[in-house]
């Protein structure tokens, strides 16, 4: 089911920015390198809107970092240092004269999957987004878990090891420092491998001892993080999205085996595990549906 009115949907990730106009006719997506400063982002959005035949009625924004959905403020992104304390709702509403609704990208990707992807019909679902960083979203009893400040499920910052390696947030030993794309590259380079992308490390894992050790650490850390999330949330399904989810046999499957080892007995053998279905568009659909639902709620309109 598509949104009823054209919605400008934006998925602002750590590496790429996707912009789409979603409505009854589907979507038209364009992809850009993520602007390093908000000013360049506003110019990007303006240029995209000027090319569209339809006019947007709402703006939905998914952002890869911490934010306050109620106040419309972006606080921080470990991978985008230029995006700190940005009053993005105010800026977008003043520039484009449209209502703006925003949320964490992983949360909204989960929302998109729940509405029209791999999580349809599942009331208790966990989704991990494995890319430049690591994010998570969850549907609990059929509702998106957002937390008191909209900051729930910063899964990339689950502590795995007290002493390291350093995470992009400045702390040591977080899940993202081991099992994200940026974390895998950083660990590999610290161990002497001359690589620039996580895919290179995966390609070398069977022929190079160091690469094999880096991937083994990533598998273990992800499995341990998953076990903690399952103990907290008790989901019936875990979906995996993001670029690293393509490494199913090399990363996801071994991590889930490690997870099973660490789960308490009542949790074992009951989880469904599958790839997310919407791919790179999950955040776009989630941001659009979230914006539409929040706007309806403000207007007192029942779905």
C-alpha atoms as a PDB file:
ATOM      1  CA  UNK A   1       0.000   0.000   0.000  1.00  0.00           C
ATOM      2  CA  UNK A   2       1.543   3.269  -1.130  1.00  0.00           C
ATOM      3  CA  UNK A   3       1.203   6.610   0.702  1.00  0.00           C
ATOM      4  CA  UNK A   4      -1.924   8.493  -0.392  1.00  0.00           C
ATOM      5  CA  UNK A   5      -0.188  11.835  -0.961  1.00  0.00           C
ATOM      6  CA  UNK A   6       3.220  12.505  -2.513  1.00  0.00           C
ATOM      7  CA  UNK A   7       5.785  12.500   0.301  1.00  0.00           C
ATOM      8  CA  UNK A   8       9.369  13.662  -0.029  1.00  0.00           C
ATOM      9  CA  UNK A   9      11.274  10.850   1.640  1.00  0.00           C
ATOM     10  CA  UNK A  10      14.963  11.189   2.539  1.00  0.00           C
ATOM     11  CA  UNK A  11      17.330   8.535   3.864  1.00  0.00           C
ATOM     12  CA  UNK A  12      20.430  10.368   5.054  1.00  0.00           C
ATOM     13  CA  UNK A  13      23.036   7.669   5.703  1.00  0.00           C
ATOM     14  CA  UNK A  14      26.654   7.718   6.767  1.00  0.00           C
ATOM     15  CA  UNK A  15      27.855   7.322   3.185  1.00  0.00           C
ATOM     16  CA  UNK A  16      24.944   7.840   0.809  1.00  0.00           C
ATOM     17  CA  UNK A  17      21.849  10.041   0.747  1.00  0.00           C
ATOM     18  CA  UNK A  18      18.760   8.753  -1.041  1.00  0.00           C
ATOM     19  CA  UNK A  19      15.893  11.055  -1.937  1.00  0.00           C
ATOM     20  CA  UNK A  20      12.549   9.957  -3.362  1.00  0.00           C
ATOM     21  CA  UNK A  21       9.090  11.309  -4.016  1.00  0.00           C
ATOM     22  CA  UNK A  22       6.714   8.564  -2.914  1.00  0.00           C
ATOM     23  CA  UNK A  23       2.993   8.494  -3.560  1.00  0.00           C
ATOM     24  CA  UNK A  24       0.189   6.602  -5.289  1.00  0.00           C
ATOM     25  CA  UNK A  25       2.400   6.146  -8.370  1.00  0.00           C
ATOM     26  CA  UNK A  26       5.290   4.540  -6.493  1.00  0.00           C
ATOM     27  CA  UNK A  27       8.666   6.189  -6.112  1.00  0.00           C
ATOM     28  CA  UNK A  28      11.415   7.932  -8.042  1.00  0.00           C
ATOM     29  CA  UNK A  29      14.753   7.558  -6.233  1.00  0.00           C
ATOM     30  CA  UNK A  30      17.988   9.480  -6.680  1.00  0.00           C
ATOM     31  CA  UNK A  31      21.181   8.655  -4.827  1.00  0.00           C
ATOM     32  CA  UNK A  32      23.961  11.059  -3.828  1.00  0.00           C
ATOM     33  CA  UNK A  33      27.081  11.057  -1.676  1.00  0.00           C
ATOM     34  CA  UNK A  34      26.015  12.258   1.769  1.00  0.00           C
ATOM     35  CA  UNK A  35      26.747  15.989   2.073  1.00  0.00           C
ATOM     36  CA  UNK A  36      29.288  16.694   4.782  1.00  0.00           C
ATOM     37  CA  UNK A  37      27.471  19.855   5.884  1.00  0.00           C
ATOM     38  CA  UNK A  38      23.734  20.592   6.271  1.00  0.00           C
ATOM     39  CA  UNK A  39      23.926  23.622   3.964  1.00  0.00           C
ATOM     40  CA  UNK A  40      24.926  21.415   1.010  1.00  0.00           C
ATOM     41  CA  UNK A  41      22.121  19.001   1.943  1.00  0.00           C
ATOM     42  CA  UNK A  42      19.452  21.719   1.747  1.00  0.00           C
ATOM     43  CA  UNK A  43      20.713  22.691  -1.700  1.00  0.00           C
ATOM     44  CA  UNK A  44      20.544  19.037  -2.751  1.00  0.00           C
ATOM     45  CA  UNK A  45      16.916  18.735  -1.624  1.00  0.00           C
ATOM     46  CA  UNK A  46      16.009  21.990  -3.354  1.00  0.00           C
ATOM     47  CA  UNK A  47      17.519  20.770  -6.623  1.00  0.00           C
ATOM     48  CA  UNK A  48      15.668  17.461  -6.411  1.00  0.00           C
ATOM     49  CA  UNK A  49      12.289  19.096  -5.748  1.00  0.00           C
ATOM     50  CA  UNK A  50      12.648  21.484  -8.668  1.00  0.00           C
ATOM     51  CA  UNK A  51      12.932  18.511 -11.046  1.00  0.00           C
ATOM     52  CA  UNK A  52       9.732  16.784  -9.871  1.00  0.00           C
ATOM     53  CA  UNK A  53       6.436  17.042 -11.751  1.00  0.00           C
ATOM     54  CA  UNK A  54       4.413  16.332  -8.586  1.00  0.00           C
ATOM     55  CA  UNK A  55       4.476  18.499  -5.491  1.00  0.00           C
ATOM     56  CA  UNK A  56       5.278  16.962  -2.117  1.00  0.00           C
ATOM     57  CA  UNK A  57       2.791  17.309   0.732  1.00  0.00           C
ATOM     58  CA  UNK A  58       5.030  16.115   3.584  1.00  0.00           C
ATOM     59  CA  UNK A  59       8.705  15.416   4.270  1.00  0.00           C
ATOM     60  CA  UNK A  60       9.878  12.241   5.998  1.00  0.00           C
ATOM     61  CA  UNK A  61      13.544  12.034   7.003  1.00  0.00           C
ATOM     62  CA  UNK A  62      15.555   9.025   8.181  1.00  0.00           C
ATOM     63  CA  UNK A  63      18.946   9.969   9.658  1.00  0.00           C
ATOM     64  CA  UNK A  64      21.930   7.779  10.544  1.00  0.00           C
ATOM     65  CA  UNK A  65      22.592   9.075  14.027  1.00  0.00           C
ATOM     66  CA  UNK A  66      21.053  10.281  17.270  1.00  0.00           C
ATOM     67  CA  UNK A  67      18.199  12.758  17.101  1.00  0.00           C
ATOM     68  CA  UNK A  68      15.121  14.047  18.878  1.00  0.00           C
ATOM     69  CA  UNK A  69      12.050  13.366  16.698  1.00  0.00           C
ATOM     70  CA  UNK A  70       9.789  15.510  18.907  1.00  0.00           C
ATOM     71  CA  UNK A  71      12.034  18.598  18.739  1.00  0.00           C
ATOM     72  CA  UNK A  72      13.262  17.905  15.215  1.00  0.00           C
ATOM     73  CA  UNK A  73      16.940  18.197  16.155  1.00  0.00           C
ATOM     74  CA  UNK A  74      19.836  16.043  14.938  1.00  0.00           C
ATOM     75  CA  UNK A  75      22.337  15.570  17.760  1.00  0.00           C
ATOM     76  CA  UNK A  76      25.210  13.482  16.440  1.00  0.00           C
ATOM     77  CA  UNK A  77      26.452  10.953  13.931  1.00  0.00           C
ATOM     78  CA  UNK A  78      29.654   8.998  14.484  1.00  0.00           C
ATOM     79  CA  UNK A  79      30.238   8.990  10.723  1.00  0.00           C
ATOM     80  CA  UNK A  80      29.139  12.584   9.947  1.00  0.00           C
ATOM     81  CA  UNK A  81      31.003  14.970  12.265  1.00  0.00           C
ATOM     82  CA  UNK A  82      29.610  18.033  10.468  1.00  0.00           C
ATOM     83  CA  UNK A  83      26.071  17.112  11.514  1.00  0.00           C
ATOM     84  CA  UNK A  84      25.871  18.115  15.174  1.00  0.00           C
ATOM     85  CA  UNK A  85      23.054  20.025  16.937  1.00  0.00           C
ATOM     86  CA  UNK A  86      21.241  20.662  13.646  1.00  0.00           C
ATOM     87  CA  UNK A  87      17.648  22.008  13.955  1.00  0.00           C
ATOM     88  CA  UNK A  88      16.746  20.201  10.776  1.00  0.00           C
ATOM     89  CA  UNK A  89      12.949  20.303  11.089  1.00  0.00           C
ATOM     90  CA  UNK A  90      12.939  24.066  11.475  1.00  0.00           C
ATOM     91  CA  UNK A  91      15.345  24.497   8.565  1.00  0.00           C
ATOM     92  CA  UNK A  92      13.404  22.231   6.208  1.00  0.00           C
ATOM     93  CA  UNK A  93       9.996  23.633   7.152  1.00  0.00           C
ATOM     94  CA  UNK A  94      11.159  27.220   6.667  1.00  0.00           C
ATOM     95  CA  UNK A  95      12.800  26.464   3.316  1.00  0.00           C
ATOM     96  CA  UNK A  96      10.092  24.284   1.775  1.00  0.00           C
ATOM     97  CA  UNK A  97       6.931  25.191   3.711  1.00  0.00           C
ATOM     98  CA  UNK A  98       6.070  21.527   4.342  1.00  0.00           C
ATOM     99  CA  UNK A  99       5.475  19.538   7.564  1.00  0.00           C
ATOM    100  CA  UNK A 100       8.579  17.515   8.479  1.00  0.00           C
ATOM    101  CA  UNK A 101       8.785  14.268  10.477  1.00  0.00           C
ATOM    102  CA  UNK A 102      12.051  12.528  11.257  1.00  0.00           C
ATOM    103  CA  UNK A 103      13.459   9.446  12.915  1.00  0.00           C
ATOM    104  CA  UNK A 104      16.553   7.292  13.209  1.00  0.00           C
ATOM    105  CA  UNK A 105      17.316   5.537   9.922  1.00  0.00           C
ATOM    106  CA  UNK A 106      17.433   2.022  11.368  1.00  0.00           C
ATOM    107  CA  UNK A 107      14.172   2.533  13.252  1.00  0.00           C
ATOM    108  CA  UNK A 108      12.451   3.757  10.120  1.00  0.00           C
ATOM    109  CA  UNK A 109      13.931   0.985   7.982  1.00  0.00           C
ATOM    110  CA  UNK A 110      12.319  -1.450  10.411  1.00  0.00           C
ATOM    111  CA  UNK A 111       9.058   0.488  10.105  1.00  0.00           C
ATOM    112  CA  UNK A 112       9.215   0.232   6.329  1.00  0.00           C
ATOM    113  CA  UNK A 113       9.851  -3.514   6.470  1.00  0.00           C
ATOM    114  CA  UNK A 114       6.959  -3.930   8.900  1.00  0.00           C
ATOM    115  CA  UNK A 115       4.568  -2.028   6.629  1.00  0.00           C
ATOM    116  CA  UNK A 116       5.429  -3.536   3.257  1.00  0.00           C
ATOM    117  CA  UNK A 117       8.520  -5.754   3.537  1.00  0.00           C
ATOM    118  CA  UNK A 118       9.804  -8.801   5.363  1.00  0.00           C
ATOM    119  CA  UNK A 119       8.177  -7.916   8.693  1.00  0.00           C
ATOM    120  CA  UNK A 120       4.571  -7.726   7.505  1.00  0.00           C
ATOM    121  CA  UNK A 121       2.210  -9.470   9.892  1.00  0.00           C
ATOM    122  CA  UNK A 122       4.884  -9.867  12.604  1.00  0.00           C
ATOM    123  CA  UNK A 123       4.123  -7.998  15.821  1.00  0.00           C
ATOM    124  CA  UNK A 124       7.503  -8.504  17.494  1.00  0.00           C
ATOM    125  CA  UNK A 125      10.317  -7.987  15.031  1.00  0.00           C
ATOM    126  CA  UNK A 126      13.949  -6.879  15.356  1.00  0.00           C
ATOM    127  CA  UNK A 127      15.868  -5.482  12.394  1.00  0.00           C
ATOM    128  CA  UNK A 128      19.600  -4.896  12.247  1.00  0.00           C
ATOM    129  CA  UNK A 129      21.043  -2.583   9.611  1.00  0.00           C
ATOM    130  CA  UNK A 130      24.688  -3.441   8.960  1.00  0.00           C
ATOM    131  CA  UNK A 131      26.485  -0.842   6.870  1.00  0.00           C
ATOM    132  CA  UNK A 132      28.984   1.958   7.499  1.00  0.00           C
ATOM    133  CA  UNK A 133      27.678   1.780  11.063  1.00  0.00           C
ATOM    134  CA  UNK A 134      25.233  -0.522  12.843  1.00  0.00           C
ATOM    135  CA  UNK A 135      21.678   0.421  13.645  1.00  0.00           C
ATOM    136  CA  UNK A 136      18.620  -1.435  14.855  1.00  0.00           C
ATOM    137  CA  UNK A 137      14.892  -1.004  14.955  1.00  0.00           C
ATOM    138  CA  UNK A 138      12.145  -3.029  16.579  1.00  0.00           C
ATOM    139  CA  UNK A 139       8.420  -3.482  16.398  1.00  0.00           C
ATOM    140  CA  UNK A 140       7.116  -4.419  19.846  1.00  0.00           C
ATOM    141  CA  UNK A 141       3.490  -5.540  20.095  1.00  0.00           C
ATOM    142  CA  UNK A 142       2.926  -4.034  16.660  1.00  0.00           C
ATOM    143  CA  UNK A 143       4.349  -0.590  17.451  1.00  0.00           C
ATOM    144  CA  UNK A 144       7.694   0.978  16.589  1.00  0.00           C
ATOM    145  CA  UNK A 145       9.961   1.183  19.629  1.00  0.00           C
ATOM    146  CA  UNK A 146      11.388   4.717  19.782  1.00  0.00           C
ATOM    147  CA  UNK A 147      12.061   5.376  23.480  1.00  0.00           C
ATOM    148  CA  UNK A 148      11.551   8.480  25.590  1.00  0.00           C
ATOM    149  CA  UNK A 149      13.743  10.698  23.401  1.00  0.00           C
ATOM    150  CA  UNK A 150      13.512   8.805  20.123  1.00  0.00           C
ATOM    151  CA  UNK A 151      16.910   7.232  20.802  1.00  0.00           C
ATOM    152  CA  UNK A 152      15.967   3.584  21.396  1.00  0.00           C
ATOM    153  CA  UNK A 153      18.104   0.761  20.011  1.00  0.00           C
ATOM    154  CA  UNK A 154      21.460   2.358  19.309  1.00  0.00           C
ATOM    155  CA  UNK A 155      22.670  -1.201  18.818  1.00  0.00           C
ATOM    156  CA  UNK A 156      25.993  -0.175  17.319  1.00  0.00           C
ATOM    157  CA  UNK A 157      26.986   1.168  20.723  1.00  0.00           C
ATOM    158  CA  UNK A 158      26.377  -1.992  22.697  1.00  0.00           C
ATOM    159  CA  UNK A 159      29.595  -2.611  24.676  1.00  0.00           C
ATOM    160  CA  UNK A 160      31.233  -5.876  23.624  1.00  0.00           C
ATOM    161  CA  UNK A 161      34.748  -5.466  25.049  1.00  0.00           C
ATOM    162  CA  UNK A 162      35.882  -3.095  27.796  1.00  0.00           C
ATOM    163  CA  UNK A 163      39.235  -2.273  26.222  1.00  0.00           C
ATOM    164  CA  UNK A 164      38.777  -1.621  22.517  1.00  0.00           C
ATOM    165  CA  UNK A 165      39.005  -1.112  19.616  1.00  0.00           C
ATOM    166  CA  UNK A 166      37.854   2.539  19.497  1.00  0.00           C
ATOM    167  CA  UNK A 167      34.374   3.260  18.187  1.00  0.00           C
ATOM    168  CA  UNK A 168      33.577   6.318  16.081  1.00  0.00           C
ATOM    169  CA  UNK A 169      31.681   7.749  19.067  1.00  0.00           C
ATOM    170  CA  UNK A 170      34.903   7.881  21.095  1.00  0.00           C
ATOM    171  CA  UNK A 171      34.219   4.949  23.431  1.00  0.00           C
ATOM    172  CA  UNK A 172      35.976   1.590  23.372  1.00  0.00           C
ATOM    173  CA  UNK A 173      34.839  -1.872  22.338  1.00  0.00           C
ATOM    174  CA  UNK A 174      31.374  -1.130  20.966  1.00  0.00           C
ATOM    175  CA  UNK A 175      29.690  -3.525  18.529  1.00  0.00           C
ATOM    176  CA  UNK A 176      30.084  -1.013  15.690  1.00  0.00           C
ATOM    177  CA  UNK A 177      33.865  -1.004  16.215  1.00  0.00           C
ATOM    178  CA  UNK A 178      33.975  -4.726  15.380  1.00  0.00           C
ATOM    179  CA  UNK A 179      31.163  -5.585  12.987  1.00  0.00           C
ATOM    180  CA  UNK A 180      30.275  -2.495  10.936  1.00  0.00           C
ATOM    181  CA  UNK A 181      31.846  -1.699   7.585  1.00  0.00           C
ATOM    182  CA  UNK A 182      33.912   1.123   9.051  1.00  0.00           C
ATOM    183  CA  UNK A 183      34.841  -0.962  12.103  1.00  0.00           C
ATOM    184  CA  UNK A 184      36.034  -3.938  10.070  1.00  0.00           C
ATOM    185  CA  UNK A 185      38.210  -1.663   7.924  1.00  0.00           C
ATOM    186  CA  UNK A 186      39.636   0.141  10.969  1.00  0.00           C
ATOM    187  CA  UNK A 187      40.514  -3.101  12.769  1.00  0.00           C
ATOM    188  CA  UNK A 188      42.039  -4.578   9.610  1.00  0.00           C
ATOM    189  CA  UNK A 189      44.178  -1.504   8.975  1.00  0.00           C
ATOM    190  CA  UNK A 190      45.313  -1.432  12.610  1.00  0.00           C
ATOM    191  CA  UNK A 191      46.466  -5.032  12.103  1.00  0.00           C
ATOM    192  CA  UNK A 192      48.467  -4.127   9.000  1.00  0.00           C
ATOM    193  CA  UNK A 193      46.089  -4.802   6.089  1.00  0.00           C
ATOM    194  CA  UNK A 194      46.031  -2.146   3.373  1.00  0.00           C
ATOM    195  CA  UNK A 195      42.293  -2.089   2.688  1.00  0.00           C
ATOM    196  CA  UNK A 196      39.685   0.625   2.236  1.00  0.00           C
ATOM    197  CA  UNK A 197      36.438  -1.383   2.184  1.00  0.00           C
ATOM    198  CA  UNK A 198      35.050  -4.185   4.329  1.00  0.00           C
ATOM    199  CA  UNK A 199      34.344  -6.256   1.199  1.00  0.00           C
ATOM    200  CA  UNK A 200      38.102  -6.490   0.637  1.00  0.00           C
ATOM    201  CA  UNK A 201      38.579  -8.014   4.079  1.00  0.00           C
ATOM    202  CA  UNK A 202      35.814 -10.565   3.447  1.00  0.00           C
ATOM    203  CA  UNK A 203      37.405 -11.467   0.099  1.00  0.00           C
ATOM    204  CA  UNK A 204      40.757 -12.103   1.837  1.00  0.00           C
ATOM    205  CA  UNK A 205      39.433 -13.983   4.858  1.00  0.00           C
ATOM    206  CA  UNK A 206      40.294 -17.498   3.597  1.00  0.00           C
ATOM    207  CA  UNK A 207      43.702 -16.667   2.147  1.00  0.00           C
ATOM    208  CA  UNK A 208      45.008 -14.150   4.679  1.00  0.00           C
ATOM    209  CA  UNK A 209      45.330 -14.982   8.378  1.00  0.00           C
ATOM    210  CA  UNK A 210      44.874 -11.382   9.539  1.00  0.00           C
ATOM    211  CA  UNK A 211      41.730 -10.904   7.449  1.00  0.00           C
ATOM    212  CA  UNK A 212      40.398 -14.195   8.779  1.00  0.00           C
ATOM    213  CA  UNK A 213      40.953 -13.042  12.357  1.00  0.00           C
ATOM    214  CA  UNK A 214      39.218  -9.694  11.716  1.00  0.00           C
ATOM    215  CA  UNK A 215      36.142 -11.422  10.285  1.00  0.00           C
ATOM    216  CA  UNK A 216      36.134 -13.978  13.084  1.00  0.00           C
ATOM    217  CA  UNK A 217      36.071 -11.129  15.625  1.00  0.00           C
ATOM    218  CA  UNK A 218      33.221  -9.486  13.716  1.00  0.00           C
ATOM    219  CA  UNK A 219      31.213 -12.729  13.746  1.00  0.00           C
ATOM    220  CA  UNK A 220      31.738 -13.206  17.471  1.00  0.00           C
ATOM    221  CA  UNK A 221      30.916  -9.603  18.355  1.00  0.00           C
ATOM    222  CA  UNK A 222      27.774  -9.553  16.225  1.00  0.00           C
ATOM    223  CA  UNK A 223      26.612 -12.839  17.724  1.00  0.00           C
ATOM    224  CA  UNK A 224      27.143 -11.531  21.241  1.00  0.00           C
ATOM    225  CA  UNK A 225      25.313  -8.294  20.425  1.00  0.00           C
ATOM    226  CA  UNK A 226      22.395 -10.205  18.908  1.00  0.00           C
ATOM    227  CA  UNK A 227      22.112 -12.388  22.000  1.00  0.00           C
ATOM    228  CA  UNK A 228      21.838  -9.304  24.181  1.00  0.00           C
ATOM    229  CA  UNK A 229      19.148  -7.789  21.970  1.00  0.00           C
ATOM    230  CA  UNK A 230      17.145 -11.013  21.906  1.00  0.00           C
ATOM    231  CA  UNK A 231      17.278 -11.284  25.696  1.00  0.00           C
ATOM    232  CA  UNK A 232      15.986  -7.708  25.960  1.00  0.00           C
ATOM    233  CA  UNK A 233      13.282  -7.747  23.281  1.00  0.00           C
ATOM    234  CA  UNK A 234      12.203 -11.384  22.806  1.00  0.00           C
ATOM    235  CA  UNK A 235      11.443 -10.986  19.068  1.00  0.00           C
ATOM    236  CA  UNK A 236       9.948 -13.701  16.888  1.00  0.00           C
ATOM    237  CA  UNK A 237      11.842 -12.547  13.789  1.00  0.00           C
ATOM    238  CA  UNK A 238      15.193 -10.878  13.077  1.00  0.00           C
ATOM    239  CA  UNK A 239      15.668  -9.129   9.729  1.00  0.00           C
ATOM    240  CA  UNK A 240      19.094  -8.129   8.422  1.00  0.00           C
ATOM    241  CA  UNK A 241      19.542  -5.158   6.109  1.00  0.00           C
ATOM    242  CA  UNK A 242      22.342  -2.865   4.977  1.00  0.00           C
ATOM    243  CA  UNK A 243      25.299  -3.544   2.699  1.00  0.00           C
ATOM    244  CA  UNK A 244      26.979  -6.111   4.973  1.00  0.00           C
ATOM    245  CA  UNK A 245      23.818  -8.228   5.089  1.00  0.00           C
ATOM    246  CA  UNK A 246      24.935  -9.487   1.663  1.00  0.00           C
ATOM    247  CA  UNK A 247      27.712 -11.317   3.532  1.00  0.00           C
ATOM    248  CA  UNK A 248      25.169 -13.839   4.784  1.00  0.00           C
ATOM    249  CA  UNK A 249      27.394 -16.929   4.811  1.00  0.00           C
ATOM    250  CA  UNK A 250      30.523 -15.074   5.929  1.00  0.00           C
ATOM    251  CA  UNK A 251      29.010 -12.885   8.653  1.00  0.00           C
ATOM    252  CA  UNK A 252      25.302 -13.301   9.416  1.00  0.00           C
ATOM    253  CA  UNK A 253      25.089 -17.083   9.624  1.00  0.00           C
ATOM    254  CA  UNK A 254      28.197 -17.535  11.845  1.00  0.00           C
ATOM    255  CA  UNK A 255      27.050 -14.637  14.046  1.00  0.00           C
ATOM    256  CA  UNK A 256      23.630 -16.232  14.508  1.00  0.00           C
ATOM    257  CA  UNK A 257      25.302 -19.519  15.454  1.00  0.00           C
ATOM    258  CA  UNK A 258      27.283 -17.629  18.099  1.00  0.00           C
ATOM    259  CA  UNK A 259      24.069 -15.950  19.236  1.00  0.00           C
ATOM    260  CA  UNK A 260      22.392 -19.332  19.744  1.00  0.00           C
ATOM    261  CA  UNK A 261      25.283 -20.442  21.967  1.00  0.00           C
ATOM    262  CA  UNK A 262      24.863 -17.374  24.185  1.00  0.00           C
ATOM    263  CA  UNK A 263      21.067 -17.388  24.447  1.00  0.00           C
ATOM    264  CA  UNK A 264      19.339 -18.694  27.545  1.00  0.00           C
ATOM    265  CA  UNK A 265      17.672 -22.062  26.836  1.00  0.00           C
ATOM    266  CA  UNK A 266      14.069 -20.771  26.498  1.00  0.00           C
ATOM    267  CA  UNK A 267      15.131 -18.500  23.613  1.00  0.00           C
ATOM    268  CA  UNK A 268      17.043 -21.073  21.580  1.00  0.00           C
ATOM    269  CA  UNK A 269      15.875 -22.485  18.263  1.00  0.00           C
ATOM    270  CA  UNK A 270      12.744 -20.328  18.025  1.00  0.00           C
ATOM    271  CA  UNK A 271      13.858 -17.266  16.084  1.00  0.00           C
ATOM    272  CA  UNK A 272      13.149 -16.759  12.408  1.00  0.00           C
ATOM    273  CA  UNK A 273      16.103 -15.187  10.608  1.00  0.00           C
ATOM    274  CA  UNK A 274      15.908 -13.684   7.133  1.00  0.00           C
ATOM    275  CA  UNK A 275      17.186 -10.869   4.938  1.00  0.00           C
ATOM    276  CA  UNK A 276      15.178  -7.672   4.801  1.00  0.00           C
ATOM    277  CA  UNK A 277      13.176  -7.417   1.571  1.00  0.00           C
ATOM    278  CA  UNK A 278      13.192  -3.715   0.692  1.00  0.00           C
ATOM    279  CA  UNK A 279      16.949  -3.324   0.351  1.00  0.00           C
ATOM    280  CA  UNK A 280      18.223   0.245   0.139  1.00  0.00           C
ATOM    281  CA  UNK A 281      14.644   1.521  -0.087  1.00  0.00           C
ATOM    282  CA  UNK A 282      13.600   0.342   3.402  1.00  0.00           C
ATOM    283  CA  UNK A 283      14.483   3.656   5.051  1.00  0.00           C
ATOM    284  CA  UNK A 284      12.746   5.636   2.314  1.00  0.00           C
ATOM    285  CA  UNK A 285       9.504   3.696   2.683  1.00  0.00           C
ATOM    286  CA  UNK A 286       9.743   3.793   6.463  1.00  0.00           C
ATOM    287  CA  UNK A 287      10.302   7.562   6.515  1.00  0.00           C
ATOM    288  CA  UNK A 288       7.335   8.080   4.181  1.00  0.00           C
ATOM    289  CA  UNK A 289       4.924   5.879   6.140  1.00  0.00           C
ATOM    290  CA  UNK A 290       6.147   7.357   9.422  1.00  0.00           C
ATOM    291  CA  UNK A 291       5.571  10.910   8.146  1.00  0.00           C
ATOM    292  CA  UNK A 292       2.107  10.009   6.873  1.00  0.00           C
ATOM    293  CA  UNK A 293       1.110   8.268  10.116  1.00  0.00           C
ATOM    294  CA  UNK A 294       2.457  11.072  12.314  1.00  0.00           C
ATOM    295  CA  UNK A 295       0.673  13.694  10.213  1.00  0.00           C
ATOM    296  CA  UNK A 296      -2.607  11.772  10.439  1.00  0.00           C
ATOM    297  CA  UNK A 297      -2.162  11.489  14.201  1.00  0.00           C
ATOM    298  CA  UNK A 298      -1.644  15.240  14.513  1.00  0.00           C
ATOM    299  CA  UNK A 299      -4.777  15.820  12.419  1.00  0.00           C
ATOM    300  CA  UNK A 300      -6.811  13.323  14.441  1.00  0.00           C
ATOM    301  CA  UNK A 301      -7.254  11.065  11.413  1.00  0.00           C
ATOM    302  CA  UNK A 302      -7.516   7.326  12.110  1.00  0.00           C
ATOM    303  CA  UNK A 303      -5.702   4.906   9.785  1.00  0.00           C
END
